[in-house]
Amino acid sequence: MQKNVEKMSINYSPNFNMQKRSPAKVKYIIFHYTGMNSEISAIRRLTSKNSGVSCHYFIKNNGQIIQIVPDLFIAWHAGVSFWKKDKLLNKSSIGIEISNPGHENGYKKYNSEQIKSIIRLSKKLKQKYKIKKENVLGHSDIAPLRKKDPGEKFPWKLLNKEKICLWHNLSERKCKQLRKIKLSESKKFYKLLHKFGYKVPNKISDKIKVYKNFQRRFRPQLISNIVDKESYSILKSLI
């Protein structure tokens, strides 16, 4: 962690709740991408009192980490959000923004310096606040109808190898065998998806949005509208 401690800087945002929370209230880590072409503009937005948004940490393209809001203050990063029985996750989470143009501006891979910083910062926060790996999530997990970030190029599988987050235990061979084979009853899938933690709406088009974000997280090789046996098997292995 020493290298990243040296690279940490501070640029505080006014966008946070004044009341401090106890360390025990910190339950989640939520990853975001900025969705903006300009890194400078993204930092300016997160630290402007007129924007109404912020985060706890910002990871630049060169891997430098900027603290935007101190850990024990509630930053405004999650918005309307749900996971399992929890709502409005700002109050119980630490938000990490990563510089990336996002799906609307030429979405790109996270670079090696960013990934090193993601891993080191996540490990530090997980240890400090005793955060469970199943509570390390993306914005697209907790607000799947509104958000796609951090997206299918985020290194979830690598983070799992570092014991930071969840990943499934199916082999690549097994996944390929089941891919594109339509599940006969998608209701079973969505019932399990809700049990896993996602808020699953009733409207079919909204259900598909949630499903696509599940794929971005756990099956990034193929993002489709068809609930297939691979996705179902991945979800079962996670539960």
C-alpha atoms as a PDB file:
ATOM      1  CA  MET A   1       0.000   0.000   0.000  1.00  0.00           C
ATOM      2  CA  GLN A   2       3.002   2.281   0.478  1.00  0.00           C
ATOM      3  CA  LYS A   3       3.227   3.348  -3.162  1.00  0.00           C
ATOM      4  CA  ASN A   4      -0.423   4.435  -3.250  1.00  0.00           C
ATOM      5  CA  VAL A   5      -0.220   6.233   0.101  1.00  0.00           C
ATOM      6  CA  GLU A   6       2.406   8.472  -1.503  1.00  0.00           C
ATOM      7  CA  LYS A   7       0.117   9.067  -4.486  1.00  0.00           C
ATOM      8  CA  MET A   8      -2.942   9.974  -2.368  1.00  0.00           C
ATOM      9  CA  SER A   9      -4.055  13.596  -2.444  1.00  0.00           C
ATOM     10  CA  ILE A  10      -7.027  15.583  -1.121  1.00  0.00           C
ATOM     11  CA  ASN A  11      -9.577  17.724  -2.981  1.00  0.00           C
ATOM     12  CA  TYR A  12     -12.592  17.970  -0.720  1.00  0.00           C
ATOM     13  CA  SER A  13     -16.145  18.346  -1.995  1.00  0.00           C
ATOM     14  CA  PRO A  14     -18.870  20.297  -0.144  1.00  0.00           C
ATOM     15  CA  ASN A  15     -21.408  17.645  -1.211  1.00  0.00           C
ATOM     16  CA  PHE A  16     -21.865  15.446   1.841  1.00  0.00           C
ATOM     17  CA  ASN A  17     -24.081  15.100   4.918  1.00  0.00           C
ATOM     18  CA  MET A  18     -22.770  17.047   7.887  1.00  0.00           C
ATOM     19  CA  GLN A  19     -23.575  14.338  10.418  1.00  0.00           C
ATOM     20  CA  LYS A  20     -20.751  11.856  10.845  1.00  0.00           C
ATOM     21  CA  ARG A  21     -21.486   8.105  10.858  1.00  0.00           C
ATOM     22  CA  SER A  22     -19.812   5.414  12.927  1.00  0.00           C
ATOM     23  CA  PRO A  23     -17.347   3.005  11.245  1.00  0.00           C
ATOM     24  CA  ALA A  24     -19.835   0.171  11.876  1.00  0.00           C
ATOM     25  CA  LYS A  25     -22.320   1.862   9.501  1.00  0.00           C
ATOM     26  CA  VAL A  26     -19.962   1.430   6.541  1.00  0.00           C
ATOM     27  CA  LYS A  27     -21.227  -1.761   4.912  1.00  0.00           C
ATOM     28  CA  TYR A  28     -20.646  -1.382   1.151  1.00  0.00           C
ATOM     29  CA  ILE A  29     -18.068  -0.308  -1.417  1.00  0.00           C
ATOM     30  CA  ILE A  30     -19.670   0.991  -4.632  1.00  0.00           C
ATOM     31  CA  PHE A  31     -17.665   1.428  -7.850  1.00  0.00           C
ATOM     32  CA  HIS A  32     -18.566   4.032 -10.477  1.00  0.00           C
ATOM     33  CA  TYR A  33     -17.071   5.405 -13.638  1.00  0.00           C
ATOM     34  CA  THR A  34     -17.203   9.152 -14.288  1.00  0.00           C
ATOM     35  CA  GLY A  35     -18.816   8.870 -17.731  1.00  0.00           C
ATOM     36  CA  MET A  36     -16.993  12.019 -18.841  1.00  0.00           C
ATOM     37  CA  ASN A  37     -14.269  12.569 -21.446  1.00  0.00           C
ATOM     38  CA  SER A  38     -12.418  15.128 -19.361  1.00  0.00           C
ATOM     39  CA  GLU A  39     -10.856  14.004 -16.097  1.00  0.00           C
ATOM     40  CA  ILE A  40     -10.487  17.616 -14.971  1.00  0.00           C
ATOM     41  CA  SER A  41     -14.168  18.280 -15.651  1.00  0.00           C
ATOM     42  CA  ALA A  42     -15.146  15.156 -13.708  1.00  0.00           C
ATOM     43  CA  ILE A  43     -13.150  16.270 -10.656  1.00  0.00           C
ATOM     44  CA  ARG A  44     -14.579  19.771 -10.961  1.00  0.00           C
ATOM     45  CA  ARG A  45     -18.120  18.369 -11.053  1.00  0.00           C
ATOM     46  CA  LEU A  46     -17.576  16.155  -8.006  1.00  0.00           C
ATOM     47  CA  THR A  47     -16.219  19.096  -6.009  1.00  0.00           C
ATOM     48  CA  SER A  48     -18.688  21.769  -7.151  1.00  0.00           C
ATOM     49  CA  LYS A  49     -21.431  22.742  -4.700  1.00  0.00           C
ATOM     50  CA  ASN A  50     -23.796  23.246  -7.650  1.00  0.00           C
ATOM     51  CA  SER A  51     -23.557  19.662  -8.926  1.00  0.00           C
ATOM     52  CA  GLY A  52     -25.056  17.890  -5.913  1.00  0.00           C
ATOM     53  CA  VAL A  53     -22.813  14.839  -6.429  1.00  0.00           C
ATOM     54  CA  SER A  54     -19.589  13.566  -4.901  1.00  0.00           C
ATOM     55  CA  CYS A  55     -17.762  10.403  -3.879  1.00  0.00           C
ATOM     56  CA  HIS A  56     -15.214   9.379  -1.283  1.00  0.00           C
ATOM     57  CA  TYR A  57     -12.364   8.547  -3.658  1.00  0.00           C
ATOM     58  CA  PHE A  58     -11.485   9.408  -7.240  1.00  0.00           C
ATOM     59  CA  ILE A  59      -8.996   7.291  -9.207  1.00  0.00           C
ATOM     60  CA  LYS A  60      -7.296   9.205 -12.001  1.00  0.00           C
ATOM     61  CA  ASN A  61      -6.023   7.787 -15.306  1.00  0.00           C
ATOM     62  CA  ASN A  62      -2.488   7.672 -13.906  1.00  0.00           C
ATOM     63  CA  GLY A  63      -3.663   5.721 -10.847  1.00  0.00           C
ATOM     64  CA  GLN A  64      -3.430   8.638  -8.442  1.00  0.00           C
ATOM     65  CA  ILE A  65      -6.108   8.534  -5.738  1.00  0.00           C
ATOM     66  CA  ILE A  66      -7.840  11.713  -4.619  1.00  0.00           C
ATOM     67  CA  GLN A  67      -9.930  11.748  -1.462  1.00  0.00           C
ATOM     68  CA  ILE A  68     -13.065  13.780  -2.185  1.00  0.00           C
ATOM     69  CA  VAL A  69     -15.065  13.154   1.013  1.00  0.00           C
ATOM     70  CA  PRO A  70     -13.687  11.658   4.275  1.00  0.00           C
ATOM     71  CA  ASP A  71     -14.837   8.074   4.847  1.00  0.00           C
ATOM     72  CA  LEU A  72     -17.140   8.690   7.793  1.00  0.00           C
ATOM     73  CA  PHE A  73     -19.193  11.388   6.098  1.00  0.00           C
ATOM     74  CA  ILE A  74     -21.995  10.409   3.708  1.00  0.00           C
ATOM     75  CA  ALA A  75     -21.046  11.305   0.123  1.00  0.00           C
ATOM     76  CA  TRP A  76     -23.683  11.757  -2.588  1.00  0.00           C
ATOM     77  CA  HIS A  77     -22.807   9.064  -5.118  1.00  0.00           C
ATOM     78  CA  ALA A  78     -25.441   6.283  -5.121  1.00  0.00           C
ATOM     79  CA  GLY A  79     -28.716   8.169  -5.443  1.00  0.00           C
ATOM     80  CA  VAL A  80     -31.913   6.117  -5.436  1.00  0.00           C
ATOM     81  CA  SER A  81     -30.522   2.639  -4.841  1.00  0.00           C
ATOM     82  CA  PHE A  82     -31.387  -0.799  -3.492  1.00  0.00           C
ATOM     83  CA  TRP A  83     -29.562  -3.978  -2.534  1.00  0.00           C
ATOM     84  CA  LYS A  84     -31.342  -6.819  -0.783  1.00  0.00           C
ATOM     85  CA  LYS A  85     -33.251  -5.105   2.043  1.00  0.00           C
ATOM     86  CA  ASP A  86     -31.179  -1.927   2.036  1.00  0.00           C
ATOM     87  CA  LYS A  87     -32.320   1.312   0.370  1.00  0.00           C
ATOM     88  CA  LEU A  88     -30.570   4.621  -0.342  1.00  0.00           C
ATOM     89  CA  LEU A  89     -27.077   3.193  -0.038  1.00  0.00           C
ATOM     90  CA  ASN A  90     -25.269   6.516   0.373  1.00  0.00           C
ATOM     91  CA  LYS A  91     -25.742   6.179   4.119  1.00  0.00           C
ATOM     92  CA  SER A  92     -23.983   2.799   4.306  1.00  0.00           C
ATOM     93  CA  SER A  93     -21.372   2.901   1.552  1.00  0.00           C
ATOM     94  CA  ILE A  94     -18.079   4.282   0.336  1.00  0.00           C
ATOM     95  CA  GLY A  95     -18.186   5.474  -3.266  1.00  0.00           C
ATOM     96  CA  ILE A  96     -15.182   5.148  -5.575  1.00  0.00           C
ATOM     97  CA  GLU A  97     -15.244   7.019  -8.895  1.00  0.00           C
ATOM     98  CA  ILE A  98     -12.843   5.927 -11.630  1.00  0.00           C
ATOM     99  CA  SER A  99     -11.925   8.125 -14.562  1.00  0.00           C
ATOM    100  CA  ASN A 100     -13.449   6.562 -17.686  1.00  0.00           C
ATOM    101  CA  PRO A 101     -15.522   8.139 -20.494  1.00  0.00           C
ATOM    102  CA  GLY A 102     -18.261   5.525 -20.086  1.00  0.00           C
ATOM    103  CA  HIS A 103     -20.651   3.913 -22.550  1.00  0.00           C
ATOM    104  CA  GLU A 104     -21.851   7.187 -24.061  1.00  0.00           C
ATOM    105  CA  ASN A 105     -18.389   8.625 -24.709  1.00  0.00           C
ATOM    106  CA  GLY A 106     -16.234   5.781 -26.046  1.00  0.00           C
ATOM    107  CA  TYR A 107     -16.079   3.379 -23.088  1.00  0.00           C
ATOM    108  CA  LYS A 108     -12.584   1.973 -22.667  1.00  0.00           C
ATOM    109  CA  LYS A 109     -10.660  -0.557 -20.599  1.00  0.00           C
ATOM    110  CA  TYR A 110      -9.416   0.447 -17.183  1.00  0.00           C
ATOM    111  CA  ASN A 111      -5.640   0.745 -17.377  1.00  0.00           C
ATOM    112  CA  SER A 112      -3.101  -1.118 -15.258  1.00  0.00           C
ATOM    113  CA  GLU A 113      -2.336   1.842 -12.974  1.00  0.00           C
ATOM    114  CA  GLN A 114      -6.019   2.339 -12.233  1.00  0.00           C
ATOM    115  CA  ILE A 115      -6.481  -1.378 -11.526  1.00  0.00           C
ATOM    116  CA  LYS A 116      -3.534  -1.412  -9.108  1.00  0.00           C
ATOM    117  CA  SER A 117      -5.068   1.501  -7.234  1.00  0.00           C
ATOM    118  CA  ILE A 118      -8.537  -0.104  -7.235  1.00  0.00           C
ATOM    119  CA  ILE A 119      -7.101  -3.272  -5.683  1.00  0.00           C
ATOM    120  CA  ARG A 120      -4.983  -1.529  -3.057  1.00  0.00           C
ATOM    121  CA  LEU A 121      -7.656   0.941  -2.004  1.00  0.00           C
ATOM    122  CA  SER A 122     -10.345  -1.769  -1.876  1.00  0.00           C
ATOM    123  CA  LYS A 123      -8.212  -4.032   0.288  1.00  0.00           C
ATOM    124  CA  LYS A 124      -7.492  -1.186   2.671  1.00  0.00           C
ATOM    125  CA  LEU A 125     -11.173  -0.223   2.986  1.00  0.00           C
ATOM    126  CA  LYS A 126     -12.380  -3.820   3.302  1.00  0.00           C
ATOM    127  CA  GLN A 127      -9.980  -4.462   6.149  1.00  0.00           C
ATOM    128  CA  LYS A 128     -10.611  -1.146   7.891  1.00  0.00           C
ATOM    129  CA  TYR A 129     -14.420  -1.429   7.871  1.00  0.00           C
ATOM    130  CA  LYS A 130     -14.779  -5.221   7.784  1.00  0.00           C
ATOM    131  CA  ILE A 131     -16.704  -5.092   4.492  1.00  0.00           C
ATOM    132  CA  LYS A 132     -17.843  -8.471   3.162  1.00  0.00           C
ATOM    133  CA  LYS A 133     -16.904  -9.356  -0.400  1.00  0.00           C
ATOM    134  CA  GLU A 134     -20.585  -9.786  -1.329  1.00  0.00           C
ATOM    135  CA  ASN A 135     -21.051  -6.103  -0.436  1.00  0.00           C
ATOM    136  CA  VAL A 136     -18.524  -4.845  -2.963  1.00  0.00           C
ATOM    137  CA  LEU A 137     -20.787  -3.717  -5.806  1.00  0.00           C
ATOM    138  CA  GLY A 138     -21.133  -1.573  -8.903  1.00  0.00           C
ATOM    139  CA  HIS A 139     -23.486   1.342  -9.415  1.00  0.00           C
ATOM    140  CA  SER A 140     -25.240  -0.851 -11.994  1.00  0.00           C
ATOM    141  CA  ASP A 141     -25.989  -3.424  -9.276  1.00  0.00           C
ATOM    142  CA  ILE A 142     -27.720  -1.014  -6.934  1.00  0.00           C
ATOM    143  CA  ALA A 143     -29.410   1.192  -9.578  1.00  0.00           C
ATOM    144  CA  PRO A 144     -29.751  -1.134 -12.596  1.00  0.00           C
ATOM    145  CA  LEU A 145     -32.543   0.788 -14.318  1.00  0.00           C
ATOM    146  CA  ARG A 146     -30.494   3.988 -14.391  1.00  0.00           C
ATOM    147  CA  LYS A 147     -26.838   3.016 -14.550  1.00  0.00           C
ATOM    148  CA  LYS A 148     -24.375   0.799 -16.441  1.00  0.00           C
ATOM    149  CA  ASP A 149     -21.196   1.661 -14.557  1.00  0.00           C
ATOM    150  CA  PRO A 150     -18.565   0.527 -13.927  1.00  0.00           C
ATOM    151  CA  GLY A 151     -19.481  -1.676 -16.908  1.00  0.00           C
ATOM    152  CA  GLU A 152     -18.394  -4.911 -18.549  1.00  0.00           C
ATOM    153  CA  LYS A 153     -14.726  -3.857 -18.800  1.00  0.00           C
ATOM    154  CA  PHE A 154     -14.348  -3.497 -15.048  1.00  0.00           C
ATOM    155  CA  PRO A 155     -11.965  -6.209 -13.696  1.00  0.00           C
ATOM    156  CA  TRP A 156     -14.381  -8.026 -11.369  1.00  0.00           C
ATOM    157  CA  LYS A 157     -12.800 -11.442 -11.983  1.00  0.00           C
ATOM    158  CA  LEU A 158      -9.339 -10.110 -11.116  1.00  0.00           C
ATOM    159  CA  LEU A 159     -10.697  -8.435  -7.991  1.00  0.00           C
ATOM    160  CA  ASN A 160     -12.181 -11.769  -6.950  1.00  0.00           C
ATOM    161  CA  LYS A 161      -8.744 -13.379  -7.273  1.00  0.00           C
ATOM    162  CA  GLU A 162      -7.543 -10.690  -4.880  1.00  0.00           C
ATOM    163  CA  LYS A 163     -10.364 -11.715  -2.493  1.00  0.00           C
ATOM    164  CA  ILE A 164     -12.126  -8.362  -2.861  1.00  0.00           C
ATOM    165  CA  CYS A 165     -15.495  -9.289  -4.415  1.00  0.00           C
ATOM    166  CA  LEU A 166     -17.699 -12.168  -5.537  1.00  0.00           C
ATOM    167  CA  TRP A 167     -17.267 -14.174  -8.735  1.00  0.00           C
ATOM    168  CA  HIS A 168     -18.794 -17.436  -9.914  1.00  0.00           C
ATOM    169  CA  ASN A 169     -17.041 -20.819  -9.829  1.00  0.00           C
ATOM    170  CA  LEU A 170     -18.002 -22.148 -13.281  1.00  0.00           C
ATOM    171  CA  SER A 171     -15.241 -23.113 -15.681  1.00  0.00           C
ATOM    172  CA  GLU A 172     -14.894 -21.320 -19.014  1.00  0.00           C
ATOM    173  CA  ARG A 173     -15.572 -24.614 -20.767  1.00  0.00           C
ATOM    174  CA  LYS A 174     -18.837 -25.134 -18.866  1.00  0.00           C
ATOM    175  CA  CYS A 175     -19.884 -21.535 -19.540  1.00  0.00           C
ATOM    176  CA  LYS A 176     -19.346 -21.877 -23.283  1.00  0.00           C
ATOM    177  CA  GLN A 177     -21.389 -25.084 -23.359  1.00  0.00           C
ATOM    178  CA  LEU A 178     -24.371 -23.335 -21.764  1.00  0.00           C
ATOM    179  CA  ARG A 179     -24.058 -19.993 -23.557  1.00  0.00           C
ATOM    180  CA  LYS A 180     -26.959 -19.019 -25.848  1.00  0.00           C
ATOM    181  CA  ILE A 181     -29.083 -22.012 -24.751  1.00  0.00           C
ATOM    182  CA  LYS A 182     -32.332 -20.340 -23.772  1.00  0.00           C
ATOM    183  CA  LEU A 183     -33.658 -21.008 -20.290  1.00  0.00           C
ATOM    184  CA  SER A 184     -37.153 -22.449 -20.648  1.00  0.00           C
ATOM    185  CA  GLU A 185     -38.553 -20.550 -17.675  1.00  0.00           C
ATOM    186  CA  SER A 186     -37.043 -17.099 -17.087  1.00  0.00           C
ATOM    187  CA  LYS A 187     -39.226 -16.597 -13.984  1.00  0.00           C
ATOM    188  CA  LYS A 188     -36.884 -18.919 -12.083  1.00  0.00           C
ATOM    189  CA  PHE A 189     -33.935 -16.744 -13.052  1.00  0.00           C
ATOM    190  CA  TYR A 190     -35.538 -13.489 -11.950  1.00  0.00           C
ATOM    191  CA  LYS A 191     -36.668 -15.004  -8.663  1.00  0.00           C
ATOM    192  CA  LEU A 192     -33.066 -16.016  -7.948  1.00  0.00           C
ATOM    193  CA  LEU A 193     -31.814 -12.620  -9.116  1.00  0.00           C
ATOM    194  CA  HIS A 194     -34.014 -10.960  -6.502  1.00  0.00           C
ATOM    195  CA  LYS A 195     -32.795 -13.390  -3.853  1.00  0.00           C
ATOM    196  CA  PHE A 196     -29.199 -12.544  -4.772  1.00  0.00           C
ATOM    197  CA  GLY A 197     -29.817  -8.844  -4.134  1.00  0.00           C
ATOM    198  CA  TYR A 198     -31.062  -7.039  -7.229  1.00  0.00           C
ATOM    199  CA  LYS A 199     -34.329  -5.126  -7.209  1.00  0.00           C
ATOM    200  CA  VAL A 200     -36.321  -6.819  -9.985  1.00  0.00           C
ATOM    201  CA  PRO A 201     -39.220  -4.783 -11.440  1.00  0.00           C
ATOM    202  CA  ASN A 202     -42.398  -6.187 -12.982  1.00  0.00           C
ATOM    203  CA  LYS A 203     -42.125  -4.572 -16.410  1.00  0.00           C
ATOM    204  CA  ILE A 204     -40.427  -6.880 -18.947  1.00  0.00           C
ATOM    205  CA  SER A 205     -38.270  -4.167 -20.530  1.00  0.00           C
ATOM    206  CA  ASP A 206     -37.039  -3.145 -17.073  1.00  0.00           C
ATOM    207  CA  LYS A 207     -36.309  -6.752 -16.137  1.00  0.00           C
ATOM    208  CA  ILE A 208     -34.095  -6.995 -19.223  1.00  0.00           C
ATOM    209  CA  LYS A 209     -32.172  -3.887 -18.113  1.00  0.00           C
ATOM    210  CA  VAL A 210     -31.469  -5.556 -14.779  1.00  0.00           C
ATOM    211  CA  TYR A 211     -30.480  -8.790 -16.527  1.00  0.00           C
ATOM    212  CA  LYS A 212     -28.055  -6.940 -18.815  1.00  0.00           C
ATOM    213  CA  ASN A 213     -26.382  -5.361 -15.813  1.00  0.00           C
ATOM    214  CA  PHE A 214     -26.043  -8.794 -14.220  1.00  0.00           C
ATOM    215  CA  GLN A 215     -24.302  -9.888 -17.424  1.00  0.00           C
ATOM    216  CA  ARG A 216     -22.031  -6.832 -17.399  1.00  0.00           C
ATOM    217  CA  ARG A 217     -20.939  -7.903 -13.944  1.00  0.00           C
ATOM    218  CA  PHE A 218     -20.723 -11.701 -14.217  1.00  0.00           C
ATOM    219  CA  ARG A 219     -20.879 -12.623 -17.925  1.00  0.00           C
ATOM    220  CA  PRO A 220     -19.249  -9.744 -19.840  1.00  0.00           C
ATOM    221  CA  GLN A 221     -18.459 -11.899 -22.899  1.00  0.00           C
ATOM    222  CA  LEU A 222     -22.067 -11.684 -24.099  1.00  0.00           C
ATOM    223  CA  ILE A 223     -24.704  -9.139 -23.121  1.00  0.00           C
ATOM    224  CA  SER A 224     -28.058 -10.140 -24.613  1.00  0.00           C
ATOM    225  CA  ASN A 225     -31.816  -9.994 -24.057  1.00  0.00           C
ATOM    226  CA  ILE A 226     -32.136 -13.783 -23.850  1.00  0.00           C
ATOM    227  CA  VAL A 227     -31.943 -15.389 -20.423  1.00  0.00           C
ATOM    228  CA  ASP A 228     -29.761 -18.420 -21.111  1.00  0.00           C
ATOM    229  CA  LYS A 229     -28.594 -21.426 -19.133  1.00  0.00           C
ATOM    230  CA  GLU A 230     -25.121 -19.975 -18.643  1.00  0.00           C
ATOM    231  CA  SER A 231     -26.464 -16.913 -16.845  1.00  0.00           C
ATOM    232  CA  TYR A 232     -28.784 -19.074 -14.749  1.00  0.00           C
ATOM    233  CA  SER A 233     -25.946 -21.429 -13.767  1.00  0.00           C
ATOM    234  CA  ILE A 234     -23.678 -18.502 -12.876  1.00  0.00           C
ATOM    235  CA  LEU A 235     -26.389 -17.021 -10.679  1.00  0.00           C
ATOM    236  CA  LYS A 236     -27.058 -20.345  -8.942  1.00  0.00           C
ATOM    237  CA  SER A 237     -23.351 -20.731  -8.184  1.00  0.00           C
ATOM    238  CA  LEU A 238     -23.268 -17.268  -6.616  1.00  0.00           C
ATOM    239  CA  ILE A 239     -26.182 -18.072  -4.313  1.00  0.00           C
END
